[in-house]
Amino acid sequence: MSCYIEDRQEKHIHFVDGTEGGYTSAAIMFKEKMKKFQLRR
């Protein structure tokens, strides 16, 4: 499980990774795509 915490009382999100890394895999793929996009500029 991954967590993003802005405020412990109200503003926090929990991400539960499913099979094959769901959220984690998506984050890695997104970062790779952003790097390629920035290289084009």
Protein backbone atom coordinates (compact mmCIF):
# COMPACT_ATOMS: atom_id res chain seq x y z
CA MET A 1 0.00 0.00 0.00
CA SER A 2 1.19 3.51 -0.80
CA CYS A 3 -0.09 6.63 0.93
CA TYR A 4 -0.17 10.32 0.04
CA ILE A 5 -0.61 12.45 3.15
CA GLU A 6 -1.23 16.19 3.03
CA ASP A 7 -3.06 16.31 6.35
CA ARG A 8 -3.47 13.30 8.67
CA GLN A 9 -6.93 14.41 9.81
CA GLU A 10 -8.65 14.83 6.45
CA LYS A 11 -6.46 15.02 3.36
CA HIS A 12 -4.83 11.67 2.77
CA ILE A 13 -5.20 8.95 0.15
CA HIS A 14 -4.31 5.26 0.31
CA PHE A 15 -3.42 3.41 -2.89
CA VAL A 16 -3.61 -0.38 -2.72
CA ASP A 17 -1.45 -2.07 -5.36
CA GLY A 18 -3.23 -4.92 -7.07
CA THR A 19 -1.65 -7.79 -8.93
CA GLU A 20 1.48 -6.96 -10.88
CA GLY A 21 1.97 -3.63 -9.11
CA GLY A 22 -1.10 -1.74 -10.42
CA TYR A 23 -0.51 1.77 -9.08
CA THR A 24 3.26 1.37 -8.87
CA SER A 25 3.56 0.11 -12.45
CA ALA A 26 1.35 2.93 -13.70
CA ALA A 27 3.51 5.53 -11.92
CA ILE A 28 6.70 4.11 -13.44
CA MET A 29 5.19 4.06 -16.94
CA PHE A 30 3.90 7.62 -16.52
CA LYS A 31 7.34 8.90 -15.46
CA GLU A 32 8.98 7.23 -18.48
CA LYS A 33 6.46 8.82 -20.84
CA MET A 34 7.00 12.24 -19.26
CA LYS A 35 10.77 11.95 -19.77
CA LYS A 36 10.27 11.13 -23.47
CA PHE A 37 7.84 14.03 -23.85
CA GLN A 38 10.29 16.47 -22.25
CA LEU A 39 13.10 15.31 -24.53
CA ARG A 40 11.01 16.25 -27.59
CA ARG A 41 10.74 19.88 -26.53
